[in-house]
Structure formats: C-alpha cells, structure tokens
Amino acid sequence: MLHSIRVFLTLIVVSTMSFADVLITEIADPNDDAGARFVELYNNTGTTLDLSSGWALTRWTNAGTTPQSPKYLTGSVGAGEFYLVCADADDFLAAYGVACDQDIGTGGPADSNGDDNIALLGTSGDIVDLFGVPGTDGSGTGHEFEDGRAERNSGVCSPSATWDVLEWTVDNDSGGG
C-alpha cells in the first residue's frame, strides 16, 4: 500500500511539473545592419513562461573559452509563441517593421557578428540550448552566420545543451547556406 501511495504521489508531482522547452530558433547578423541583429526564442510548451524568473542568454566571443556575463531576460512568452531579443530596438523596428520583445543592447548575445557561440540559460544557470561550439571561432565552420542568419530546422522541437549542426540551416557571406 505504501509503495502505491509513493508511486501515485510521484506521478502527481511529475505531471504538474513545467518542463521548459524553450529553444533558440533563429540568430541573425543582417548584412550592413548591425543594429538589426537578434536572437529569437520559441516557447514549445503549453503554458506561458515567465522569462524574468532567471532565464538568460550568454555569448562566447570568437574563440573565447569563457562566456560573457549573462544578459537576463524579462517579460514572458506565451505558449507556442516567439520572443525576440534584439541589440537595438529602434534599428530592429526600422529593419523588420515589428518591435522586439527585449532590447539587451550592443556587445551581448543579441549583437553577434556571426562567428560567436550563443547559449540560452535556464533558471538554474545551466545551458538549456546551445548554438555553436564554445571555444571555437565560428568563421568557416557550420556555425558561421556572419552577414546572414542561422535558423533552426522546422523538425527540431526541443532544446539541446550540445551543438548539433544538423539542427540548423545557416546562411553566411562565405557562401554557406
């Protein structure tokens, strides 16, 4: 009887936990428009997520082995919705005709020139989703999106804490994509 109660309570706890399938779906370094750079996130859960509960983006610049300080996210993202993080809200609006959800300024994860590595960090600070190979300059690799963009392939529905080139379609000025 005690075993059955434990199993039942475990099932209740697991069924009510919110597994956060938030992932990076696009990163852009538009040619000749550094102010319009952005990172797009997607909430693949059935509930609205409060990103201000500790979610963040970080970036390894070029071949750096230490990431920059995290840029914490604010606001929330609805179930099945996108959240746009930009380097400059005014430039983003002028370039795309829509407002970004959060302007985190220049020099950070949304301001990559296309050869950097970017991670989405969960509320515990762990890497939830990763683009690129930290410690490796992206130039000439499968994760270079200089003067272009990297877009998550449509069949990818979950984040990955390890880089998988097969999950991405990348376009860059070196002829990739």
N, C-alpha and C. Protein backbone atom coordinates (compact mmCIF):
# COMPACT_ATOMS: atom_id res chain seq x y z
N MET A 1 0.82 -1.20 0.00
CA MET A 1 0.00 0.00 0.00
C MET A 1 0.86 1.27 0.00
N LEU A 2 1.91 1.29 0.84
CA LEU A 2 2.78 2.46 0.91
C LEU A 2 3.47 2.70 -0.43
N HIS A 3 3.88 1.61 -1.09
CA HIS A 3 4.50 1.73 -2.41
C HIS A 3 3.53 2.37 -3.41
N SER A 4 2.29 1.97 -3.40
CA SER A 4 1.28 2.53 -4.31
C SER A 4 1.07 4.02 -4.06
N ILE A 5 1.09 4.43 -2.81
CA ILE A 5 0.93 5.84 -2.47
C ILE A 5 2.12 6.64 -2.99
N ARG A 6 3.33 6.09 -2.80
CA ARG A 6 4.53 6.78 -3.31
C ARG A 6 4.49 6.93 -4.82
N VAL A 7 4.11 5.88 -5.52
CA VAL A 7 4.01 5.93 -6.97
C VAL A 7 2.98 6.98 -7.39
N PHE A 8 1.84 6.98 -6.73
CA PHE A 8 0.78 7.94 -7.04
C PHE A 8 1.27 9.37 -6.82
N LEU A 9 1.91 9.64 -5.69
CA LEU A 9 2.41 10.99 -5.40
C LEU A 9 3.50 11.40 -6.40
N THR A 10 4.35 10.47 -6.78
CA THR A 10 5.39 10.77 -7.78
C THR A 10 4.74 11.15 -9.11
N LEU A 11 3.72 10.42 -9.51
CA LEU A 11 3.03 10.73 -10.76
C LEU A 11 2.38 12.11 -10.72
N ILE A 12 1.81 12.46 -9.60
CA ILE A 12 1.19 13.78 -9.46
C ILE A 12 2.26 14.87 -9.59
N VAL A 13 3.38 14.71 -8.90
CA VAL A 13 4.45 15.72 -8.96
C VAL A 13 4.98 15.85 -10.38
N VAL A 14 5.27 14.74 -11.03
CA VAL A 14 5.82 14.77 -12.38
C VAL A 14 4.82 15.37 -13.36
N SER A 15 3.54 15.04 -13.24
CA SER A 15 2.55 15.55 -14.19
C SER A 15 2.29 17.03 -14.02
N THR A 16 2.60 17.60 -12.85
CA THR A 16 2.37 19.02 -12.66
C THR A 16 3.62 19.87 -12.86
N MET A 17 4.77 19.23 -13.07
CA MET A 17 5.99 19.98 -13.32
C MET A 17 5.93 20.62 -14.69
N SER A 18 6.50 21.80 -14.80
CA SER A 18 6.54 22.50 -16.07
C SER A 18 7.92 22.27 -16.71
N PHE A 19 7.98 21.42 -17.71
CA PHE A 19 9.21 21.19 -18.42
C PHE A 19 9.35 22.29 -19.46
N ALA A 20 10.38 23.09 -19.33
CA ALA A 20 10.54 24.27 -20.14
C ALA A 20 11.25 23.97 -21.45
N ASP A 21 10.51 23.70 -22.48
CA ASP A 21 11.06 23.53 -23.82
C ASP A 21 11.09 24.88 -24.51
N VAL A 22 12.05 25.68 -24.11
CA VAL A 22 12.29 26.96 -24.76
C VAL A 22 13.58 26.77 -25.55
N LEU A 23 13.58 27.19 -26.81
CA LEU A 23 14.76 26.98 -27.63
C LEU A 23 15.05 28.18 -28.51
N ILE A 24 16.30 28.27 -28.92
CA ILE A 24 16.72 29.29 -29.87
C ILE A 24 16.28 28.83 -31.25
N THR A 25 15.53 29.67 -31.95
CA THR A 25 15.06 29.28 -33.28
C THR A 25 15.70 30.06 -34.41
N GLU A 26 16.27 31.23 -34.10
CA GLU A 26 16.94 32.00 -35.15
C GLU A 26 17.91 32.99 -34.51
N ILE A 27 19.03 33.19 -35.20
CA ILE A 27 20.02 34.19 -34.82
C ILE A 27 20.38 34.91 -36.10
N ALA A 28 20.43 36.24 -36.06
CA ALA A 28 20.69 36.98 -37.30
C ALA A 28 21.75 38.05 -37.13
N ASP A 29 22.57 38.17 -38.17
CA ASP A 29 23.55 39.24 -38.34
C ASP A 29 23.33 39.80 -39.73
N PRO A 30 22.28 40.63 -39.90
CA PRO A 30 21.96 41.14 -41.23
C PRO A 30 23.12 41.90 -41.85
N ASN A 31 23.37 41.64 -43.11
CA ASN A 31 24.44 42.31 -43.83
C ASN A 31 24.22 43.82 -43.80
N ASP A 32 25.25 44.56 -43.39
CA ASP A 32 25.23 46.03 -43.37
C ASP A 32 24.18 46.63 -42.44
N ASP A 33 23.74 45.90 -41.41
CA ASP A 33 22.77 46.45 -40.47
C ASP A 33 22.98 45.83 -39.08
N ALA A 34 24.12 46.16 -38.45
CA ALA A 34 24.46 45.59 -37.15
C ALA A 34 23.39 45.88 -36.09
N GLY A 35 22.69 46.99 -36.22
CA GLY A 35 21.65 47.34 -35.25
C GLY A 35 20.44 46.44 -35.30
N ALA A 36 20.28 45.68 -36.37
CA ALA A 36 19.11 44.80 -36.53
C ALA A 36 19.41 43.35 -36.14
N ARG A 37 20.54 43.11 -35.49
CA ARG A 37 20.89 41.77 -35.03
C ARG A 37 19.90 41.31 -33.96
N PHE A 38 19.66 40.00 -33.91
CA PHE A 38 18.72 39.48 -32.92
C PHE A 38 18.91 38.00 -32.65
N VAL A 39 18.28 37.55 -31.56
CA VAL A 39 18.13 36.13 -31.22
C VAL A 39 16.64 35.92 -31.00
N GLU A 40 16.11 34.88 -31.64
CA GLU A 40 14.68 34.55 -31.49
C GLU A 40 14.55 33.27 -30.67
N LEU A 41 13.66 33.31 -29.70
CA LEU A 41 13.37 32.15 -28.86
C LEU A 41 11.95 31.68 -29.13
N TYR A 42 11.69 30.40 -28.89
CA TYR A 42 10.36 29.84 -29.06
C TYR A 42 9.98 29.04 -27.83
N ASN A 43 8.76 29.25 -27.35
CA ASN A 43 8.22 28.51 -26.21
C ASN A 43 7.41 27.34 -26.74
N ASN A 44 7.97 26.15 -26.64
CA ASN A 44 7.32 24.95 -27.15
C ASN A 44 6.53 24.22 -26.07
N THR A 45 6.07 24.96 -25.07
CA THR A 45 5.26 24.35 -24.02
C THR A 45 3.80 24.75 -24.20
N GLY A 46 2.98 24.22 -23.37
CA GLY A 46 1.56 24.54 -23.40
C GLY A 46 1.17 25.65 -22.45
N THR A 47 2.16 26.29 -21.82
CA THR A 47 1.87 27.34 -20.85
C THR A 47 2.76 28.55 -21.09
N THR A 48 2.32 29.68 -20.59
CA THR A 48 3.12 30.89 -20.64
C THR A 48 4.28 30.74 -19.66
N LEU A 49 5.48 31.16 -20.09
CA LEU A 49 6.65 31.08 -19.22
C LEU A 49 7.12 32.48 -18.84
N ASP A 50 7.41 32.66 -17.57
CA ASP A 50 7.94 33.91 -17.06
C ASP A 50 9.45 33.87 -17.23
N LEU A 51 9.96 34.56 -18.24
CA LEU A 51 11.39 34.56 -18.51
C LEU A 51 12.18 35.35 -17.47
N SER A 52 11.50 36.22 -16.75
CA SER A 52 12.19 37.03 -15.73
C SER A 52 12.50 36.22 -14.47
N SER A 53 12.18 34.93 -14.48
CA SER A 53 12.46 34.07 -13.32
C SER A 53 13.89 33.55 -13.33
N GLY A 54 14.76 34.10 -14.18
CA GLY A 54 16.16 33.70 -14.20
C GLY A 54 16.68 33.24 -15.54
N TRP A 55 15.86 33.25 -16.57
CA TRP A 55 16.31 32.88 -17.92
C TRP A 55 17.29 33.94 -18.42
N ALA A 56 18.28 33.51 -19.19
CA ALA A 56 19.30 34.44 -19.69
C ALA A 56 19.90 33.93 -21.00
N LEU A 57 20.56 34.83 -21.69
CA LEU A 57 21.37 34.48 -22.86
C LEU A 57 22.82 34.83 -22.54
N THR A 58 23.74 34.06 -23.09
CA THR A 58 25.15 34.37 -22.96
C THR A 58 25.84 34.11 -24.29
N ARG A 59 27.05 34.65 -24.42
CA ARG A 59 27.79 34.53 -25.68
C ARG A 59 29.26 34.30 -25.40
N TRP A 60 29.85 33.39 -26.16
CA TRP A 60 31.29 33.23 -26.21
C TRP A 60 31.74 33.96 -27.47
N THR A 61 32.57 34.96 -27.32
CA THR A 61 33.01 35.76 -28.45
C THR A 61 34.20 35.10 -29.13
N ASN A 62 34.08 34.97 -30.45
CA ASN A 62 35.14 34.38 -31.26
C ASN A 62 35.55 33.02 -30.69
N ALA A 63 36.82 32.84 -30.34
CA ALA A 63 37.28 31.56 -29.83
C ALA A 63 37.39 31.57 -28.30
N GLY A 64 36.73 32.51 -27.67
CA GLY A 64 36.81 32.62 -26.21
C GLY A 64 36.28 31.37 -25.51
N THR A 65 36.95 30.98 -24.45
CA THR A 65 36.54 29.80 -23.69
C THR A 65 35.69 30.16 -22.48
N THR A 66 35.60 31.44 -22.17
CA THR A 66 34.78 31.92 -21.06
C THR A 66 33.65 32.76 -21.62
N PRO A 67 32.41 32.45 -21.24
CA PRO A 67 31.29 33.25 -21.76
C PRO A 67 31.24 34.62 -21.11
N GLN A 68 30.57 35.53 -21.80
CA GLN A 68 30.29 36.85 -21.23
C GLN A 68 29.34 36.69 -20.06
N SER A 69 29.18 37.74 -19.29
CA SER A 69 28.18 37.73 -18.23
C SER A 69 26.81 37.55 -18.87
N PRO A 70 25.95 36.77 -18.24
CA PRO A 70 24.62 36.55 -18.82
C PRO A 70 23.81 37.83 -18.91
N LYS A 71 22.99 37.92 -19.94
CA LYS A 71 22.01 39.00 -20.08
C LYS A 71 20.67 38.40 -19.71
N TYR A 72 20.12 38.82 -18.60
CA TYR A 72 18.88 38.23 -18.10
C TYR A 72 17.68 38.73 -18.88
N LEU A 73 16.75 37.83 -19.10
CA LEU A 73 15.55 38.15 -19.87
C LEU A 73 14.46 38.68 -18.96
N THR A 74 13.55 39.43 -19.54
CA THR A 74 12.43 40.00 -18.79
C THR A 74 11.14 39.60 -19.51
N GLY A 75 10.05 39.80 -18.87
CA GLY A 75 8.78 39.52 -19.52
C GLY A 75 8.45 38.04 -19.57
N SER A 76 7.50 37.72 -20.40
CA SER A 76 7.06 36.34 -20.53
C SER A 76 6.83 36.02 -22.00
N VAL A 77 6.76 34.73 -22.28
CA VAL A 77 6.50 34.27 -23.63
C VAL A 77 5.35 33.26 -23.56
N GLY A 78 4.33 33.51 -24.34
CA GLY A 78 3.14 32.66 -24.33
C GLY A 78 3.41 31.28 -24.91
N ALA A 79 2.51 30.38 -24.63
CA ALA A 79 2.59 29.02 -25.17
C ALA A 79 2.59 29.07 -26.69
N GLY A 80 3.56 28.42 -27.31
CA GLY A 80 3.63 28.37 -28.76
C GLY A 80 3.97 29.70 -29.41
N GLU A 81 4.58 30.61 -28.64
CA GLU A 81 4.91 31.93 -29.18
C GLU A 81 6.41 32.17 -29.20
N PHE A 82 6.81 33.20 -29.94
CA PHE A 82 8.20 33.59 -30.08
C PHE A 82 8.51 34.79 -29.20
N TYR A 83 9.77 34.93 -28.84
CA TYR A 83 10.27 36.04 -28.04
C TYR A 83 11.52 36.55 -28.73
N LEU A 84 11.50 37.80 -29.14
CA LEU A 84 12.61 38.38 -29.90
C LEU A 84 13.49 39.26 -29.01
N VAL A 85 14.76 38.92 -28.95
CA VAL A 85 15.75 39.66 -28.18
C VAL A 85 16.64 40.36 -29.19
N CYS A 86 16.73 41.69 -29.09
CA CYS A 86 17.49 42.44 -30.10
C CYS A 86 18.61 43.24 -29.47
N ALA A 87 19.49 43.74 -30.35
CA ALA A 87 20.61 44.57 -29.92
C ALA A 87 20.23 46.05 -29.87
N ASP A 88 19.25 46.45 -30.66
CA ASP A 88 18.81 47.85 -30.69
C ASP A 88 17.35 47.89 -31.15
N ALA A 89 16.46 48.24 -30.25
CA ALA A 89 15.02 48.19 -30.54
C ALA A 89 14.61 49.10 -31.70
N ASP A 90 15.17 50.29 -31.77
CA ASP A 90 14.81 51.22 -32.85
C ASP A 90 15.26 50.69 -34.21
N ASP A 91 16.51 50.21 -34.29
CA ASP A 91 17.00 49.65 -35.55
C ASP A 91 16.23 48.40 -35.94
N PHE A 92 15.90 47.58 -34.95
CA PHE A 92 15.14 46.36 -35.21
C PHE A 92 13.77 46.71 -35.81
N LEU A 93 13.09 47.66 -35.20
CA LEU A 93 11.78 48.09 -35.68
C LEU A 93 11.88 48.65 -37.10
N ALA A 94 12.89 49.46 -37.37
CA ALA A 94 13.07 50.05 -38.70
C ALA A 94 13.36 48.96 -39.75
N ALA A 95 14.12 47.95 -39.37
CA ALA A 95 14.50 46.90 -40.32
C ALA A 95 13.38 45.91 -40.60
N TYR A 96 12.62 45.53 -39.57
CA TYR A 96 11.64 44.44 -39.72
C TYR A 96 10.19 44.88 -39.62
N GLY A 97 9.93 46.09 -39.14
CA GLY A 97 8.56 46.56 -39.04
C GLY A 97 7.78 46.01 -37.87
N VAL A 98 8.44 45.33 -36.95
CA VAL A 98 7.83 44.82 -35.72
C VAL A 98 8.77 45.15 -34.57
N ALA A 99 8.22 45.25 -33.39
CA ALA A 99 9.03 45.54 -32.22
C ALA A 99 9.62 44.25 -31.66
N CYS A 100 10.82 44.35 -31.12
CA CYS A 100 11.38 43.19 -30.42
C CYS A 100 10.79 43.17 -29.01
N ASP A 101 10.87 42.03 -28.37
CA ASP A 101 10.33 41.90 -27.02
C ASP A 101 11.27 42.46 -25.96
N GLN A 102 12.58 42.39 -26.24
CA GLN A 102 13.55 42.91 -25.27
C GLN A 102 14.80 43.37 -25.99
N ASP A 103 15.22 44.57 -25.68
CA ASP A 103 16.46 45.16 -26.19
C ASP A 103 17.52 44.94 -25.11
N ILE A 104 18.54 44.13 -25.40
CA ILE A 104 19.59 43.89 -24.40
C ILE A 104 20.88 44.64 -24.73
N GLY A 105 20.81 45.50 -25.75
CA GLY A 105 21.93 46.36 -26.06
C GLY A 105 23.02 45.70 -26.87
N THR A 106 24.01 46.51 -27.21
CA THR A 106 25.11 46.04 -28.03
C THR A 106 26.17 45.37 -27.17
N GLY A 107 26.98 44.55 -27.82
CA GLY A 107 28.07 43.87 -27.14
C GLY A 107 27.70 42.57 -26.47
N GLY A 108 26.44 42.17 -26.53
CA GLY A 108 25.99 40.96 -25.86
C GLY A 108 25.54 39.88 -26.83
N PRO A 109 24.77 38.92 -26.34
CA PRO A 109 24.35 37.77 -27.14
C PRO A 109 23.52 38.12 -28.38
N ALA A 110 22.76 39.18 -28.33
CA ALA A 110 21.93 39.54 -29.50
C ALA A 110 22.71 40.40 -30.49
N ASP A 111 23.97 40.65 -30.22
CA ASP A 111 24.78 41.54 -31.06
C ASP A 111 25.96 40.80 -31.68
N SER A 112 25.79 39.52 -31.96
CA SER A 112 26.89 38.74 -32.53
C SER A 112 27.12 39.09 -33.98
N ASN A 113 28.40 39.12 -34.37
CA ASN A 113 28.74 39.38 -35.76
C ASN A 113 28.81 38.10 -36.59
N GLY A 114 28.32 37.01 -36.04
CA GLY A 114 28.15 35.79 -36.83
C GLY A 114 29.20 34.71 -36.64
N ASP A 115 30.23 34.96 -35.82
CA ASP A 115 31.21 33.91 -35.59
C ASP A 115 31.30 33.53 -34.12
N ASP A 116 30.27 33.90 -33.36
CA ASP A 116 30.23 33.64 -31.92
C ASP A 116 29.32 32.47 -31.60
N ASN A 117 29.37 32.04 -30.34
CA ASN A 117 28.55 30.94 -29.85
C ASN A 117 27.60 31.50 -28.80
N ILE A 118 26.35 31.06 -28.86
CA ILE A 118 25.30 31.64 -28.02
C ILE A 118 24.56 30.53 -27.30
N ALA A 119 24.26 30.77 -26.02
CA ALA A 119 23.52 29.79 -25.23
C ALA A 119 22.34 30.45 -24.54
N LEU A 120 21.27 29.69 -24.43
CA LEU A 120 20.13 30.05 -23.61
C LEU A 120 20.32 29.34 -22.28
N LEU A 121 20.29 30.11 -21.20
CA LEU A 121 20.47 29.56 -19.86
C LEU A 121 19.12 29.49 -19.16
N GLY A 122 18.88 28.38 -18.48
CA GLY A 122 17.65 28.22 -17.72
C GLY A 122 17.76 28.90 -16.36
N THR A 123 16.73 28.75 -15.56
CA THR A 123 16.65 29.45 -14.27
C THR A 123 17.75 29.02 -13.29
N SER A 124 18.33 27.85 -13.49
CA SER A 124 19.41 27.40 -12.61
C SER A 124 20.78 27.82 -13.12
N GLY A 125 20.81 28.47 -14.29
CA GLY A 125 22.08 28.89 -14.88
C GLY A 125 22.70 27.87 -15.80
N ASP A 126 22.06 26.71 -15.92
CA ASP A 126 22.55 25.66 -16.82
C ASP A 126 22.22 25.99 -18.26
N ILE A 127 23.04 25.49 -19.18
CA ILE A 127 22.75 25.65 -20.60
C ILE A 127 21.55 24.80 -20.97
N VAL A 128 20.52 25.45 -21.48
CA VAL A 128 19.31 24.77 -21.95
C VAL A 128 19.42 24.50 -23.45
N ASP A 129 19.94 25.48 -24.18
CA ASP A 129 20.06 25.36 -25.63
C ASP A 129 21.35 26.07 -26.05
N LEU A 130 22.02 25.49 -27.06
CA LEU A 130 23.33 25.99 -27.46
C LEU A 130 23.44 26.08 -28.97
N PHE A 131 23.97 27.21 -29.43
CA PHE A 131 24.31 27.39 -30.83
C PHE A 131 25.82 27.54 -30.91
N GLY A 132 26.47 26.66 -31.66
CA GLY A 132 27.90 26.73 -31.86
C GLY A 132 28.69 25.89 -30.89
N VAL A 133 30.01 26.04 -30.98
CA VAL A 133 30.94 25.27 -30.16
C VAL A 133 31.78 26.25 -29.35
N PRO A 134 31.45 26.44 -28.08
CA PRO A 134 32.23 27.37 -27.26
C PRO A 134 33.72 27.05 -27.32
N GLY A 135 34.53 28.10 -27.44
CA GLY A 135 35.97 27.94 -27.54
C GLY A 135 36.45 27.81 -28.98
N THR A 136 35.51 27.83 -29.92
CA THR A 136 35.84 27.72 -31.34
C THR A 136 35.29 28.93 -32.08
N ASP A 137 36.15 29.65 -32.78
CA ASP A 137 35.68 30.76 -33.62
C ASP A 137 34.83 30.15 -34.73
N GLY A 138 33.67 30.69 -34.95
CA GLY A 138 32.75 30.12 -35.94
C GLY A 138 33.13 30.35 -37.39
N SER A 139 34.09 31.23 -37.65
CA SER A 139 34.46 31.54 -39.03
C SER A 139 34.85 30.26 -39.79
N GLY A 140 34.20 30.05 -40.93
CA GLY A 140 34.50 28.90 -41.77
C GLY A 140 33.98 27.58 -41.24
N THR A 141 33.10 27.61 -40.26
CA THR A 141 32.54 26.37 -39.69
C THR A 141 31.05 26.26 -40.01
N GLY A 142 30.43 25.22 -39.55
CA GLY A 142 28.99 25.03 -39.72
C GLY A 142 28.16 25.95 -38.84
N HIS A 143 28.82 26.71 -37.97
CA HIS A 143 28.07 27.66 -37.13
C HIS A 143 28.49 29.11 -37.38
N GLU A 144 28.89 29.41 -38.61
CA GLU A 144 29.16 30.79 -39.00
C GLU A 144 27.91 31.37 -39.67
N PHE A 145 27.41 32.47 -39.14
CA PHE A 145 26.25 33.14 -39.75
C PHE A 145 26.55 34.61 -40.02
N GLU A 146 27.83 34.92 -40.24
CA GLU A 146 28.25 36.31 -40.49
C GLU A 146 27.55 36.87 -41.73
N ASP A 147 26.99 38.06 -41.58
CA ASP A 147 26.23 38.72 -42.65
C ASP A 147 25.11 37.82 -43.16
N GLY A 148 24.51 37.09 -42.26
CA GLY A 148 23.43 36.17 -42.62
C GLY A 148 22.62 35.80 -41.40
N ARG A 149 22.26 34.51 -41.34
CA ARG A 149 21.46 34.06 -40.21
C ARG A 149 21.58 32.56 -40.04
N ALA A 150 21.20 32.12 -38.85
CA ALA A 150 21.11 30.70 -38.54
C ALA A 150 19.68 30.45 -38.11
N GLU A 151 19.05 29.48 -38.74
CA GLU A 151 17.65 29.18 -38.45
C GLU A 151 17.52 27.71 -38.06
N ARG A 152 16.79 27.46 -36.98
CA ARG A 152 16.56 26.09 -36.52
C ARG A 152 15.69 25.39 -37.54
N ASN A 153 16.03 24.17 -37.88
CA ASN A 153 15.24 23.40 -38.83
C ASN A 153 13.86 23.13 -38.23
N SER A 154 12.85 23.10 -39.09
CA SER A 154 11.46 23.01 -38.63
C SER A 154 11.14 21.75 -37.84
N GLY A 155 11.83 20.68 -38.05
CA GLY A 155 11.55 19.45 -37.32
C GLY A 155 12.11 19.41 -35.92
N VAL A 156 12.91 20.40 -35.54
CA VAL A 156 13.53 20.43 -34.21
C VAL A 156 12.58 21.14 -33.25
N CYS A 157 12.11 20.41 -32.25
CA CYS A 157 11.10 20.94 -31.33
C CYS A 157 11.57 21.04 -29.89
N SER A 158 12.80 20.61 -29.62
CA SER A 158 13.31 20.65 -28.25
C SER A 158 14.69 21.27 -28.21
N PRO A 159 15.02 21.91 -27.11
CA PRO A 159 16.35 22.50 -26.98
C PRO A 159 17.41 21.41 -26.82
N SER A 160 18.67 21.80 -27.02
CA SER A 160 19.78 20.87 -26.86
C SER A 160 20.95 21.61 -26.24
N ALA A 161 21.49 21.07 -25.16
CA ALA A 161 22.63 21.68 -24.48
C ALA A 161 23.95 21.38 -25.19
N THR A 162 23.88 20.61 -26.27
CA THR A 162 25.07 20.35 -27.08
C THR A 162 24.77 20.74 -28.53
N TRP A 163 25.78 21.25 -29.21
CA TRP A 163 25.65 21.72 -30.59
C TRP A 163 25.48 20.55 -31.54
N ASP A 164 24.50 20.67 -32.43
CA ASP A 164 24.29 19.69 -33.49
C ASP A 164 24.05 20.45 -34.79
N VAL A 165 25.03 20.42 -35.67
CA VAL A 165 24.97 21.16 -36.93
C VAL A 165 23.76 20.74 -37.77
N LEU A 166 23.29 19.50 -37.61
CA LEU A 166 22.16 19.00 -38.40
C LEU A 166 20.83 19.64 -38.00
N GLU A 167 20.79 20.34 -36.88
CA GLU A 167 19.55 21.00 -36.43
C GLU A 167 19.38 22.39 -37.03
N TRP A 168 20.35 22.86 -37.79
CA TRP A 168 20.36 24.25 -38.23
C TRP A 168 20.55 24.39 -39.74
N THR A 169 19.96 25.44 -40.28
CA THR A 169 20.25 25.90 -41.65
C THR A 169 20.92 27.26 -41.48
N VAL A 170 22.14 27.38 -42.00
CA VAL A 170 22.93 28.57 -41.80
C VAL A 170 23.23 29.22 -43.15
N ASP A 171 23.11 30.53 -43.18
CA ASP A 171 23.45 31.31 -44.37
C ASP A 171 24.46 32.35 -43.94
N ASN A 172 25.54 32.51 -44.75
CA ASN A 172 26.56 33.49 -44.40
C ASN A 172 27.22 34.04 -45.66
N ASP A 173 28.05 35.05 -45.47
CA ASP A 173 28.69 35.69 -46.63
C ASP A 173 29.87 34.91 -47.18
N SER A 174 30.21 33.79 -46.54
CA SER A 174 31.29 32.94 -47.05
C SER A 174 30.77 31.90 -48.04
N GLY A 175 29.48 31.95 -48.30
CA GLY A 175 28.88 31.02 -49.25
C GLY A 175 28.17 29.86 -48.61
N GLY A 176 28.20 29.76 -47.28
CA GLY A 176 27.47 28.69 -46.60
C GLY A 176 25.98 28.99 -46.59
N GLY A 177 25.20 27.97 -46.76
CA GLY A 177 23.74 28.14 -46.71
C GLY A 177 23.13 28.39 -48.05
